[in-house]
Each structure stands twice: as C-alpha cells, then as structure tokens.
C-alpha cells in the first residue's frame, strides 16, 4: 500500500490530470454512445461495466458491443430478401390460414414482411425425438440422393458411432456424382475436438464446404466474435428436408465432463416434405451465398415449389443480425399475445427481453394456462443462472415451470398456442437468439400440428419435476445473488 502511494507521488501532476481528464471524457462520450439502438437494460449494463471497471469494460464494449454484421453481409441479406419476395410472389396461396383465427392472418403477413417467406399448405412433418434415429434418418435420405445434398449445422463433430456414418454417406454421394455442400459455424465447430481432421476429411472427399461467419485476424476477417450462425438444415434433392434443434454431433457433444456425469442433449428434428422444402433450401442458399458468392437461389426456385405431400400449413421465419428487425422475437410476442387458453413453451436457454417476459406473464395473469419446460441444470453456467433469475417473477404470475431432470440438457426449442399454432426450430428464447444468432424457425397452423408438438412436450413432462414458488423462495440468499449477477451479463449485447 505504501509502495503504491509512493509510486503515485512520483507521477507528474500534469500526467495525473491528463489521465483524469481522459477518464471523464470517455465516460461522458459513452453516456451518449452506448444507448444508441440498444435496449435500455442492455445500455445500462454496458455503462455499469464501463463505469465500475473502466479499462476492461471499455475493451469488452469495443469487442462485443456491436451486434451488426458487416455492411457487405447486410447488403447481401437485403438483396436476397428482395429476390425471395420477387421470386415467390406468384407462389402465394389465397387461403393461407384455413380455419385459423382471423388474427393469425396478421402474423402471417408480419412474417412475410420481415422474413420474405410466404405460408404454404401441403406439407408433411414427422417429428423425431430419438437422437440417434434422427441422424440415421438423415443418413438414409443422403444415401438416396441423386442430384445434391445441402448440409448446414451450427456444430459438426465427427465420431465413429453417430456422425461418421453420416459423413460416409456424403462421401458415397460425391462418388456417384451428387453435388454435396456443407456449412458449419466457424467458432461453434472450431471448439470441438477433431476440428482439423473434420476439415481434412471433407476436403479429401471432394465435398464443398465453408465455415460460416469465419474469424481470421490473418485474413482480416473480424467482427464481434459471438455473432454466430445457429441454423440446422439438411436438404436432399430439394425434395426432403430436416430442421430443428439438433447439431451434427454425438449426444454428449464430445465433452469429457459431460460423459463423466452421463449428460446427453435432448433434441427434436423434423423430417419435412412439400413446399416447405423449397423454402428451407432457399435459407441454405442465402447462407451459402453469404460465404461463397456462389448464387444458388435461381437453381433452387427454378423448379417451383415441391408438390403437396400432406395437409400442414407452414411458414419459414429466418432471423439474425442481417435483418433490420428481430424477426423471431416479433413473431413470438405476437403469438403469445394471441393465446387464449394454453401456451406451452420448451426452451433450453430462457433469458427473455422485457417485451417477451411481459407477454408471457401477462398471458398467465389473464387466465391462459402457461407452462415452461427448461433444464434442471443447464450446460452453460452464466446462461443457466441468468435464466433462474426470472423464475420468481414467472411463478408469481402463474407460469408453471417444469425442470427436465439432470444431468440431461433439454435442448429442444418449440412452443404451442391453444390448438392454433406450433413453432419449432433453432431459436432459443434468449437475447442471443434474438439479436446475435442467425436462426430459422418454422410456424405451423392447425390442431394436427399443435397435437404433434404437444406430444413431444408431453414426453418431456414425464421426465420433469414441477417447480413451486415455495420451493424456489426457500433458496439461500447467495444463490439468488449469483442468479441476479449472471442476469446482468445476459444483457451485455
């Protein structure tokens, strides 16, 4: 302590005054810069970080404070949205909502304006909840491919039992002349053991592949590092597609810690046929274009929509930092406010912004039966504790919370509204999915779709225990403090 005081005494007064002036100027400037185009809660969290830990807070803000993509990528997304709107104008259906309530028409219109995709009937969805069976189903379709296979996942990790047979099917497809294209998120896949071997295997097989949103200081590819592409898609010959929440990796995510405690991820994938396949193929084409400048869109839409394969009505809702609006958040809010009887939500990472929190608690307070399925113990420390900070408010409003038994991670993302609407896909109900990740959601209309998704959620109910307000209030003060601190970090966007 004495040495520190002596050191300060040795510093010239003019230098101390200059440092003080610089600190004041930075703080004043940040007061006017940080709140720009940010939620008030997010801006306040950044300002607290900058004021309490100035050097570190400012460095983190400069690194993580901008949640927009580069101008080049944003312009590409705008261009693609315009082309999708133009190329699908003649594909509009007159009766897009069937016997759904009238208010659903406005939601369909909203999705069309924000994400560019129309709603179509004539689709079939088969929901697969068994982790290995979903990979086997995708592998089986690849074995039958004749023209092309499009594969896109946030995480790909090779292993002998689960993923290697899938990759072998891709290799055989290339050998018989099928065009195989693979996309994976750069940082999402980079952190998985065996990344270099995976890249070599894809290259040696003659598979076209790209890392999405790559970060490379050497090649001057830099942006906020946690802007990620979180979508999961497989499209075969434009006739069959798979989408949902599951990554292409074994259920323990190749993590030694997960294997030690028997932790596995629980997911849902849907096998789709019908016009929706063309839309999902367009989503892949837009991401391929972002990374390669290779424009597949004309080829994807040239054959028109796939013929009817069922009677489900479906609409694709892409979202992410390349769009001006938070498409998924706007959709979720609109549907929650439309609920009259029942709202059932499954979300592994439930850290809502104020608008969604108010929508859900308001639904419960006006008599809607609201149920929320989450993991008893999440795989991400900060997110899990941030999520828990909302439980008291939710429980007091009348939301019933069911916690899926640990050590499993309930990774499915879906929800249903009354007997009217079901939504599933890659999007969590957290601010990362709303603002930072490229996501894809599918909205389904009709009692049949709701019944199918609720069947999945009813399976989760059997493996879950309901949390009561009394139980939650009995926690120790230290646990509440930790949850609230982690809640602050969730708003640093």
Protein backbone atom coordinates (compact mmCIF):
# COMPACT_ATOMS: atom_id res chain seq x y z
CA UNK A 1 0.00 0.00 0.00
CA UNK A 2 2.84 2.37 0.91
CA UNK A 3 4.69 1.48 -2.29
CA UNK A 4 1.57 2.27 -4.33
CA UNK A 5 1.23 5.70 -2.67
CA UNK A 6 4.91 6.39 -3.28
CA UNK A 7 4.51 5.45 -6.92
CA UNK A 8 1.61 7.86 -7.31
CA UNK A 9 3.69 10.62 -5.72
CA UNK A 10 6.37 10.04 -8.36
CA UNK A 11 3.93 10.59 -11.24
CA UNK A 12 3.89 14.18 -12.54
CA UNK A 13 0.77 16.15 -11.66
CA UNK A 14 0.13 17.04 -15.29
CA UNK A 15 0.07 13.33 -16.24
CA UNK A 16 -2.42 12.53 -13.47
CA UNK A 17 -4.57 15.44 -14.60
CA UNK A 18 -4.42 14.24 -18.19
CA UNK A 19 -5.42 10.69 -17.15
CA UNK A 20 -8.30 12.07 -15.06
CA UNK A 21 -9.48 14.25 -17.96
CA UNK A 22 -9.29 11.32 -20.37
CA UNK A 23 -11.32 9.15 -17.99
CA UNK A 24 -14.02 11.83 -17.65
CA UNK A 25 -14.19 12.40 -21.42
CA UNK A 26 -14.53 8.67 -22.12
CA UNK A 27 -17.33 8.28 -19.57
CA UNK A 28 -19.24 11.29 -20.92
CA UNK A 29 -18.85 10.08 -24.51
CA UNK A 30 -20.04 6.59 -23.57
CA UNK A 31 -23.18 8.07 -21.98
CA UNK A 32 -24.21 9.26 -25.43
CA UNK A 33 -22.81 6.36 -27.49
CA UNK A 34 -23.80 3.22 -25.62
CA UNK A 35 -27.60 3.76 -25.52
CA UNK A 36 -27.80 4.16 -29.32
CA UNK A 37 -30.08 1.47 -30.86
CA UNK A 38 -29.90 -0.68 -27.72
CA UNK A 39 -32.45 -1.74 -25.15
CA UNK A 40 -32.28 0.47 -22.03
CA UNK A 41 -31.39 -2.56 -19.88
CA UNK A 42 -28.57 -3.51 -22.25
CA UNK A 43 -27.24 0.05 -22.34
CA UNK A 44 -27.35 0.31 -18.55
CA UNK A 45 -25.42 -2.96 -18.14
CA UNK A 46 -22.69 -1.74 -20.51
CA UNK A 47 -22.48 1.63 -18.77
CA UNK A 48 -22.18 -0.04 -15.36
CA UNK A 49 -19.33 -2.17 -16.69
CA UNK A 50 -17.56 0.86 -18.18
CA UNK A 51 -18.00 2.98 -15.04
CA UNK A 52 -17.02 0.32 -12.48
CA UNK A 53 -14.21 -1.37 -14.44
CA UNK A 54 -13.32 1.32 -17.00
CA UNK A 55 -10.41 -0.29 -18.88
CA UNK A 56 -11.90 -3.80 -19.04
CA UNK A 57 -15.45 -2.54 -19.57
CA UNK A 58 -14.43 -0.30 -22.47
CA UNK A 59 -12.36 -3.08 -24.05
CA UNK A 60 -15.26 -5.52 -23.82
CA UNK A 61 -17.65 -2.97 -25.28
CA UNK A 62 -15.37 -2.33 -28.26
CA UNK A 63 -15.09 -6.09 -28.80
CA UNK A 64 -18.67 -7.18 -28.16
CA UNK A 65 -20.77 -4.01 -28.26
CA UNK A 66 -21.61 -4.05 -31.96
CA UNK A 67 -24.13 -6.78 -32.82
CA UNK A 68 -24.42 -5.92 -36.52
CA UNK A 69 -22.83 -7.78 -39.40
CA UNK A 70 -20.58 -6.04 -41.89
CA UNK A 71 -22.19 -3.74 -44.45
CA UNK A 72 -21.32 -6.24 -47.18
CA UNK A 73 -23.13 -9.09 -45.46
CA UNK A 74 -26.08 -6.91 -44.53
CA UNK A 75 -26.48 -5.71 -48.11
CA UNK A 76 -26.32 -9.29 -49.31
CA UNK A 77 -29.15 -10.21 -46.94
CA UNK A 78 -31.25 -7.26 -48.13
CA UNK A 79 -30.63 -8.26 -51.74
CA UNK A 80 -31.56 -11.87 -51.10
CA UNK A 81 -34.74 -10.89 -49.19
CA UNK A 82 -35.84 -8.77 -52.14
CA UNK A 83 -35.19 -11.61 -54.58
CA UNK A 84 -37.04 -14.10 -52.40
CA UNK A 85 -40.06 -11.78 -52.26
CA UNK A 86 -39.99 -11.30 -56.02
CA UNK A 87 -39.46 -14.97 -56.86
CA UNK A 88 -42.28 -16.13 -54.59
CA UNK A 89 -44.93 -13.54 -55.49
CA UNK A 90 -46.58 -15.98 -57.89
CA UNK A 91 -46.45 -18.73 -55.27
CA UNK A 92 -48.79 -17.00 -52.83
CA UNK A 93 -51.81 -19.03 -51.73
CA UNK A 94 -55.19 -17.37 -51.48
CA UNK A 95 -56.31 -19.32 -48.41
CA UNK A 96 -53.15 -19.33 -46.33
CA UNK A 97 -54.64 -19.65 -42.85
CA UNK A 98 -57.52 -22.09 -43.34
CA UNK A 99 -59.81 -22.18 -40.31
CA UNK A 100 -57.31 -20.44 -38.01
CA UNK A 101 -58.49 -17.36 -36.07
CA UNK A 102 -58.50 -14.10 -38.02
CA UNK A 103 -55.65 -12.61 -36.01
CA UNK A 104 -53.32 -15.27 -37.42
CA UNK A 105 -53.53 -13.59 -40.83
CA UNK A 106 -51.73 -10.56 -39.43
CA UNK A 107 -48.98 -12.80 -38.02
CA UNK A 108 -48.53 -14.49 -41.39
CA UNK A 109 -48.33 -11.06 -43.02
CA UNK A 110 -45.78 -9.95 -40.41
CA UNK A 111 -43.56 -12.96 -41.12
CA UNK A 112 -43.83 -12.35 -44.86
CA UNK A 113 -42.78 -8.71 -44.50
CA UNK A 114 -39.88 -9.43 -42.15
CA UNK A 115 -38.51 -12.73 -43.42
CA UNK A 116 -39.77 -12.75 -47.03
CA UNK A 117 -41.28 -16.25 -46.96
CA UNK A 118 -44.97 -16.97 -47.70
CA UNK A 119 -47.07 -19.57 -45.95
CA UNK A 120 -47.96 -22.75 -47.84
CA UNK A 121 -50.22 -25.70 -47.28
CA UNK A 122 -49.49 -29.22 -48.49
CA UNK A 123 -46.64 -30.04 -46.10
CA UNK A 124 -45.87 -33.09 -44.03
CA UNK A 125 -43.74 -33.13 -40.87
CA UNK A 126 -42.52 -36.16 -38.97
CA UNK A 127 -41.01 -35.19 -35.62
CA UNK A 128 -38.10 -37.31 -34.44
CA UNK A 129 -37.14 -37.15 -30.76
CA UNK A 130 -34.65 -40.03 -30.65
CA UNK A 131 -31.19 -38.51 -31.09
CA UNK A 132 -29.59 -41.38 -32.98
CA UNK A 133 -32.65 -42.15 -35.07
CA UNK A 134 -32.74 -38.60 -36.43
CA UNK A 135 -29.13 -38.90 -37.65
CA UNK A 136 -29.92 -42.29 -39.17
CA UNK A 137 -32.96 -40.81 -40.93
CA UNK A 138 -30.86 -38.02 -42.44
CA UNK A 139 -28.19 -40.52 -43.42
CA UNK A 140 -30.79 -42.71 -45.14
CA UNK A 141 -32.04 -39.83 -47.27
CA UNK A 142 -28.48 -38.91 -48.27
CA UNK A 143 -27.95 -42.50 -49.46
CA UNK A 144 -30.86 -41.96 -51.88
CA UNK A 145 -29.67 -38.56 -53.17
CA UNK A 146 -29.38 -38.22 -56.94
CA UNK A 147 -28.70 -34.50 -57.57
CA UNK A 148 -27.49 -32.64 -54.49
CA UNK A 149 -27.25 -32.60 -50.71
CA UNK A 150 -27.15 -29.41 -48.65
CA UNK A 151 -25.98 -29.73 -45.03
CA UNK A 152 -25.85 -26.89 -42.50
CA UNK A 153 -25.21 -27.13 -38.76
CA UNK A 154 -24.00 -24.85 -36.01
CA UNK A 155 -21.78 -27.65 -34.70
CA UNK A 156 -20.33 -30.65 -36.53
CA UNK A 157 -18.17 -33.11 -34.63
CA UNK A 158 -17.05 -36.46 -36.06
CA UNK A 159 -17.19 -39.70 -34.09
CA UNK A 160 -17.34 -43.36 -35.08
CA UNK A 161 -20.84 -44.20 -33.83
CA UNK A 162 -23.08 -41.23 -34.64
CA UNK A 163 -21.60 -38.86 -37.22
CA UNK A 164 -19.09 -40.91 -39.18
CA UNK A 165 -21.85 -42.97 -40.91
CA UNK A 166 -23.48 -39.66 -41.92
CA UNK A 167 -20.18 -38.41 -43.38
CA UNK A 168 -19.61 -41.73 -45.12
CA UNK A 169 -22.99 -41.31 -46.82
CA UNK A 170 -21.88 -37.87 -48.03
CA UNK A 171 -18.65 -39.36 -49.35
CA UNK A 172 -20.54 -42.05 -51.26
CA UNK A 173 -22.87 -39.41 -52.65
CA UNK A 174 -19.90 -37.47 -54.05
CA UNK A 175 -18.53 -40.67 -55.59
CA UNK A 176 -21.74 -41.18 -57.54
CA UNK A 177 -21.77 -37.61 -58.88
CA UNK A 178 -24.01 -35.86 -56.35
CA UNK A 179 -23.15 -32.23 -55.51
CA UNK A 180 -22.57 -32.07 -51.75
CA UNK A 181 -22.30 -28.71 -49.97
CA UNK A 182 -21.65 -28.36 -46.24
CA UNK A 183 -21.82 -25.30 -43.99
CA UNK A 184 -20.86 -25.17 -40.32
CA UNK A 185 -20.41 -22.29 -37.94
CA UNK A 186 -16.72 -21.44 -37.58
CA UNK A 187 -16.42 -20.93 -33.83
CA UNK A 188 -19.22 -23.34 -32.98
CA UNK A 189 -17.35 -26.20 -34.69
CA UNK A 190 -13.80 -24.99 -34.09
CA UNK A 191 -14.04 -25.72 -30.36
CA UNK A 192 -14.96 -29.38 -30.93
CA UNK A 193 -12.17 -31.93 -30.64
CA UNK A 194 -11.09 -33.17 -34.08
CA UNK A 195 -11.84 -29.96 -36.00
CA UNK A 196 -8.74 -30.16 -38.24
CA UNK A 197 -9.41 -33.82 -39.04
CA UNK A 198 -13.01 -32.97 -39.93
CA UNK A 199 -11.92 -30.31 -42.41
CA UNK A 200 -9.40 -32.67 -43.98
CA UNK A 201 -11.99 -35.42 -44.28
CA UNK A 202 -14.45 -33.12 -46.05
CA UNK A 203 -11.75 -31.81 -48.39
CA UNK A 204 -10.34 -35.25 -49.22
CA UNK A 205 -13.85 -36.47 -50.08
CA UNK A 206 -14.36 -33.68 -52.60
CA UNK A 207 -17.13 -32.09 -50.56
CA UNK A 208 -17.64 -28.34 -50.98
CA UNK A 209 -17.59 -26.83 -47.51
CA UNK A 210 -17.36 -23.45 -45.84
CA UNK A 211 -17.09 -22.20 -42.28
CA UNK A 212 -19.86 -19.67 -41.62
CA UNK A 213 -19.04 -16.25 -40.17
CA UNK A 214 -15.32 -17.06 -40.01
CA UNK A 215 -12.95 -15.18 -37.74
CA UNK A 216 -9.39 -14.77 -39.04
CA UNK A 217 -7.05 -11.98 -37.95
CA UNK A 218 -4.55 -13.06 -40.61
CA UNK A 219 -7.13 -12.68 -43.40
CA UNK A 220 -8.66 -9.50 -41.86
CA UNK A 221 -11.93 -11.30 -41.14
CA UNK A 222 -13.05 -9.74 -37.89
CA UNK A 223 -16.31 -8.85 -36.28
CA UNK A 224 -17.94 -9.33 -32.93
CA UNK A 225 -16.85 -12.94 -32.33
CA UNK A 226 -20.10 -14.19 -30.84
CA UNK A 227 -22.21 -13.38 -33.92
CA UNK A 228 -22.93 -16.93 -34.98
CA UNK A 229 -24.98 -18.97 -37.49
CA UNK A 230 -27.09 -21.28 -35.34
CA UNK A 231 -29.25 -22.92 -38.04
CA UNK A 232 -29.63 -26.68 -38.57
CA UNK A 233 -30.65 -27.88 -42.04
CA UNK A 234 -30.33 -30.87 -44.34
CA UNK A 235 -31.92 -30.78 -47.80
CA UNK A 236 -31.77 -33.68 -50.25
CA UNK A 237 -32.54 -33.10 -53.95
CA UNK A 238 -34.93 -30.31 -52.96
CA UNK A 239 -37.50 -33.00 -52.06
CA UNK A 240 -36.85 -33.86 -48.42
CA UNK A 241 -35.55 -31.60 -45.64
CA UNK A 242 -34.68 -31.85 -41.97
CA UNK A 243 -34.61 -28.98 -39.50
CA UNK A 244 -34.89 -28.46 -35.77
CA UNK A 245 -32.61 -28.05 -32.76
CA UNK A 246 -30.13 -30.93 -33.08
CA UNK A 247 -26.49 -30.42 -34.04
CA UNK A 248 -24.48 -32.96 -36.02
CA UNK A 249 -22.50 -34.35 -33.09
CA UNK A 250 -22.84 -37.23 -30.64
CA UNK A 251 -25.29 -36.56 -27.76
CA UNK A 252 -22.55 -35.83 -25.22
CA UNK A 253 -21.03 -33.17 -27.51
CA UNK A 254 -17.60 -34.88 -27.30
CA UNK A 255 -17.12 -33.33 -23.86
CA UNK A 256 -15.31 -35.44 -21.28
CA UNK A 257 -17.07 -33.66 -18.42
CA UNK A 258 -20.47 -34.49 -19.96
CA UNK A 259 -19.55 -38.14 -20.42
CA UNK A 260 -18.31 -38.43 -16.83
CA UNK A 261 -21.69 -37.42 -15.41
CA UNK A 262 -23.77 -39.13 -18.11
CA UNK A 263 -25.00 -35.88 -19.63
CA UNK A 264 -26.71 -36.05 -23.03
CA UNK A 265 -28.56 -33.46 -25.10
CA UNK A 266 -32.27 -34.00 -25.80
CA UNK A 267 -33.43 -32.59 -29.14
CA UNK A 268 -36.06 -32.60 -31.83
CA UNK A 269 -35.64 -32.79 -35.60
CA UNK A 270 -38.42 -32.76 -38.15
CA UNK A 271 -38.39 -34.54 -41.48
CA UNK A 272 -40.30 -32.35 -43.94
CA UNK A 273 -41.83 -32.84 -47.35
CA UNK A 274 -43.83 -30.49 -49.53
CA UNK A 275 -43.46 -26.80 -50.46
CA UNK A 276 -41.66 -26.02 -47.19
CA UNK A 277 -38.61 -27.92 -48.50
CA UNK A 278 -38.10 -25.30 -51.20
CA UNK A 279 -38.16 -22.57 -48.58
CA UNK A 280 -35.61 -24.32 -46.37
CA UNK A 281 -33.42 -24.81 -49.43
CA UNK A 282 -33.63 -21.05 -50.05
CA UNK A 283 -32.42 -20.44 -46.49
CA UNK A 284 -29.40 -22.66 -47.17
CA UNK A 285 -28.80 -20.91 -50.49
CA UNK A 286 -28.75 -17.50 -48.82
CA UNK A 287 -26.15 -18.66 -46.28
CA UNK A 288 -24.08 -20.35 -48.98
CA UNK A 289 -24.15 -17.09 -50.95
CA UNK A 290 -23.01 -15.17 -47.87
CA UNK A 291 -19.90 -17.34 -47.55
CA UNK A 292 -19.01 -18.12 -51.16
CA UNK A 293 -20.61 -15.55 -53.52
CA UNK A 294 -21.94 -18.64 -55.34
CA UNK A 295 -25.60 -17.86 -56.10
CA UNK A 296 -27.75 -20.99 -55.86
CA UNK A 297 -31.05 -19.15 -55.49
CA UNK A 298 -32.08 -19.28 -59.15
CA UNK A 299 -31.48 -23.04 -59.31
CA UNK A 300 -33.34 -23.66 -56.06
CA UNK A 301 -36.51 -21.81 -57.16
CA UNK A 302 -36.36 -22.65 -60.87
CA UNK A 303 -38.46 -25.79 -60.46
CA UNK A 304 -41.14 -24.04 -58.42
CA UNK A 305 -42.50 -25.43 -55.19
CA UNK A 306 -42.46 -29.08 -54.32
CA UNK A 307 -45.84 -30.78 -54.79
CA UNK A 308 -48.20 -31.32 -51.88
CA UNK A 309 -47.22 -34.16 -49.54
CA UNK A 310 -49.60 -33.52 -46.65
CA UNK A 311 -52.05 -31.02 -45.24
CA UNK A 312 -49.99 -28.97 -42.77
CA UNK A 313 -49.68 -25.22 -43.30
CA UNK A 314 -46.19 -23.90 -42.65
CA UNK A 315 -44.18 -20.69 -42.89
CA UNK A 316 -40.43 -20.23 -42.51
CA UNK A 317 -39.14 -17.36 -40.37
CA UNK A 318 -35.40 -16.69 -40.74
CA UNK A 319 -33.85 -14.22 -38.32
CA UNK A 320 -30.49 -12.81 -37.32
CA UNK A 321 -28.26 -9.73 -37.32
CA UNK A 322 -28.52 -9.48 -41.12
CA UNK A 323 -32.18 -8.44 -40.76
CA UNK A 324 -33.32 -4.99 -39.65
CA UNK A 325 -35.82 -6.42 -37.16
CA UNK A 326 -35.65 -9.23 -34.62
CA UNK A 327 -37.97 -11.42 -36.67
CA UNK A 328 -38.19 -14.31 -34.20
CA UNK A 329 -38.87 -12.07 -31.19
CA UNK A 330 -41.64 -10.20 -33.02
CA UNK A 331 -43.23 -13.49 -34.05
CA UNK A 332 -43.04 -14.95 -30.55
CA UNK A 333 -44.56 -11.85 -28.97
CA UNK A 334 -47.39 -11.70 -31.49
CA UNK A 335 -48.30 -15.34 -30.88
CA UNK A 336 -48.07 -15.14 -27.08
CA UNK A 337 -50.41 -12.15 -27.00
CA UNK A 338 -52.84 -14.12 -29.18
CA UNK A 339 -53.05 -17.04 -26.76
CA UNK A 340 -56.47 -17.52 -25.18
CA UNK A 341 -56.37 -20.90 -23.43
CA UNK A 342 -52.97 -22.58 -23.37
CA UNK A 343 -49.34 -21.69 -24.00
CA UNK A 344 -46.69 -24.42 -23.72
CA UNK A 345 -43.01 -23.47 -24.16
CA UNK A 346 -39.82 -25.52 -24.29
CA UNK A 347 -36.60 -23.52 -24.28
CA UNK A 348 -33.16 -24.61 -23.09
CA UNK A 349 -31.94 -21.03 -22.71
CA UNK A 350 -34.81 -18.88 -21.46
CA UNK A 351 -33.46 -15.37 -20.91
CA UNK A 352 -36.21 -13.17 -22.40
CA UNK A 353 -36.08 -9.47 -23.03
CA UNK A 354 -38.66 -7.32 -21.26
CA UNK A 355 -41.17 -7.47 -24.10
CA UNK A 356 -41.35 -11.27 -24.15
CA UNK A 357 -41.28 -11.53 -20.36
CA UNK A 358 -44.25 -9.17 -20.13
CA UNK A 359 -46.10 -11.03 -22.89
CA UNK A 360 -45.71 -14.40 -21.13
CA UNK A 361 -46.51 -13.18 -17.62
CA UNK A 362 -49.46 -11.16 -18.94
CA UNK A 363 -50.80 -14.30 -20.63
CA UNK A 364 -50.69 -16.16 -17.32
CA UNK A 365 -52.29 -13.26 -15.46
CA UNK A 366 -55.21 -13.09 -17.90
CA UNK A 367 -56.04 -16.74 -17.38
CA UNK A 368 -54.03 -18.55 -20.05
CA UNK A 369 -52.53 -21.82 -18.84
CA UNK A 370 -48.81 -21.21 -19.33
CA UNK A 371 -46.24 -23.98 -18.98
CA UNK A 372 -42.48 -23.65 -19.38
CA UNK A 373 -40.11 -26.60 -19.81
CA UNK A 374 -36.42 -25.97 -19.02
CA UNK A 375 -33.40 -27.99 -17.92
CA UNK A 376 -32.94 -28.61 -14.21
CA UNK A 377 -29.22 -27.98 -14.71
CA UNK A 378 -28.07 -26.17 -17.83
CA UNK A 379 -24.78 -26.73 -19.63
CA UNK A 380 -23.84 -23.02 -19.68
CA UNK A 381 -23.15 -21.58 -16.23
CA UNK A 382 -23.88 -17.88 -16.86
CA UNK A 383 -26.96 -18.50 -19.00
CA UNK A 384 -28.39 -21.07 -16.61
CA UNK A 385 -28.11 -18.77 -13.61
CA UNK A 386 -29.39 -15.78 -15.61
CA UNK A 387 -32.38 -17.90 -16.59
CA UNK A 388 -33.08 -18.80 -12.96
CA UNK A 389 -33.28 -15.12 -12.06
CA UNK A 390 -36.62 -14.98 -13.90
CA UNK A 391 -38.26 -17.91 -12.12
CA UNK A 392 -39.69 -15.94 -9.20
CA UNK A 393 -41.41 -13.42 -11.45
CA UNK A 394 -42.77 -16.17 -13.68
CA UNK A 395 -44.05 -18.29 -10.81
CA UNK A 396 -45.71 -15.33 -9.11
CA UNK A 397 -47.52 -14.53 -12.36
CA UNK A 398 -48.89 -18.07 -12.50
CA UNK A 399 -46.50 -19.68 -15.00
CA UNK A 400 -45.93 -23.37 -14.26
CA UNK A 401 -42.24 -24.31 -14.59
CA UNK A 402 -41.18 -27.90 -15.23
CA UNK A 403 -37.49 -28.75 -14.92
CA UNK A 404 -36.20 -31.61 -17.08
CA UNK A 405 -34.17 -33.92 -14.86
CA UNK A 406 -30.42 -33.53 -14.74
CA UNK A 407 -27.84 -34.40 -15.95
CA UNK A 408 -29.66 -34.25 -19.32
CA UNK A 409 -29.81 -30.97 -21.26
CA UNK A 410 -33.24 -30.26 -22.73
CA UNK A 411 -32.12 -28.58 -25.96
CA UNK A 412 -35.40 -28.56 -27.91
CA UNK A 413 -36.84 -25.18 -28.92
CA UNK A 414 -40.60 -25.16 -29.54
CA UNK A 415 -43.91 -23.82 -28.28
CA UNK A 416 -47.62 -24.12 -28.98
CA UNK A 417 -50.51 -21.67 -28.68
CA UNK A 418 -54.00 -23.06 -27.97
CA UNK A 419 -54.96 -25.54 -30.71
CA UNK A 420 -53.90 -22.97 -33.30
CA UNK A 421 -50.15 -22.58 -33.75
CA UNK A 422 -46.95 -24.53 -33.20
CA UNK A 423 -43.43 -23.15 -33.64
CA UNK A 424 -40.16 -25.08 -33.65
CA UNK A 425 -36.64 -24.58 -34.93
CA UNK A 426 -33.20 -23.43 -33.83
CA UNK A 427 -34.17 -20.28 -31.91
CA UNK A 428 -33.93 -20.10 -28.15
CA UNK A 429 -35.95 -17.59 -26.16
CA UNK A 430 -32.95 -15.51 -25.17
CA UNK A 431 -31.38 -12.28 -26.29
CA UNK A 432 -28.57 -14.11 -28.05
CA UNK A 433 -31.02 -15.84 -30.40
CA UNK A 434 -32.98 -12.62 -30.88
CA UNK A 435 -30.04 -10.34 -31.71
CA UNK A 436 -26.81 -12.23 -32.31
CA UNK A 437 -27.54 -15.57 -33.97
CA UNK A 438 -28.78 -16.45 -37.42
CA UNK A 439 -31.75 -18.68 -36.68
CA UNK A 440 -34.54 -20.40 -38.59
CA UNK A 441 -37.98 -21.09 -37.12
CA UNK A 442 -40.99 -22.83 -38.67
CA UNK A 443 -44.55 -21.78 -37.81
CA UNK A 444 -47.24 -24.43 -38.27
CA UNK A 445 -51.00 -23.88 -38.23
CA UNK A 446 -53.75 -26.23 -37.18
CA UNK A 447 -54.75 -28.66 -34.46
CA UNK A 448 -52.79 -31.53 -36.05
CA UNK A 449 -49.52 -29.61 -35.86
CA UNK A 450 -50.20 -28.49 -32.28
CA UNK A 451 -51.03 -32.06 -31.28
CA UNK A 452 -47.76 -33.36 -32.74
CA UNK A 453 -45.58 -30.77 -30.99
CA UNK A 454 -47.52 -31.13 -27.72
CA UNK A 455 -46.96 -34.88 -27.91
CA UNK A 456 -43.23 -34.15 -27.78
CA UNK A 457 -43.64 -31.73 -24.89
CA UNK A 458 -45.76 -34.28 -23.03
CA UNK A 459 -42.81 -36.68 -23.27
CA UNK A 460 -40.69 -34.03 -21.55
CA UNK A 461 -43.32 -33.66 -18.84
CA UNK A 462 -42.81 -37.30 -17.86
CA UNK A 463 -39.09 -36.62 -17.29
CA UNK A 464 -39.62 -33.32 -15.46
CA UNK A 465 -40.49 -32.13 -11.98
CA UNK A 466 -42.65 -29.07 -11.40
CA UNK A 467 -41.03 -26.21 -9.51
CA UNK A 468 -43.15 -24.47 -6.87
CA UNK A 469 -42.88 -20.88 -5.68
CA UNK A 470 -42.46 -22.05 -2.09
CA UNK A 471 -39.55 -24.28 -3.08
CA UNK A 472 -37.91 -21.51 -5.06
CA UNK A 473 -38.32 -18.91 -2.31
CA UNK A 474 -36.56 -21.26 0.12
CA UNK A 475 -33.24 -20.91 -1.68
CA UNK A 476 -30.26 -19.41 0.11
CA UNK A 477 -29.57 -15.67 -0.41
CA UNK A 478 -26.19 -16.47 -2.01
CA UNK A 479 -27.92 -18.45 -4.76
CA UNK A 480 -30.26 -15.55 -5.51
CA UNK A 481 -27.33 -13.14 -5.60
CA UNK A 482 -25.48 -15.33 -8.10
CA UNK A 483 -28.54 -15.59 -10.37
CA UNK A 484 -29.02 -11.83 -10.38
CA UNK A 485 -25.36 -11.12 -11.17
CA UNK A 486 -25.47 -13.55 -14.08
CA UNK A 487 -28.65 -11.86 -15.28
CA UNK A 488 -26.64 -8.68 -15.75
CA UNK A 489 -24.16 -10.43 -18.02
CA UNK A 490 -27.01 -11.70 -20.22
CA UNK A 491 -27.88 -8.14 -21.21
CA UNK A 492 -24.36 -7.19 -22.36
CA UNK A 493 -25.18 -7.11 -26.07
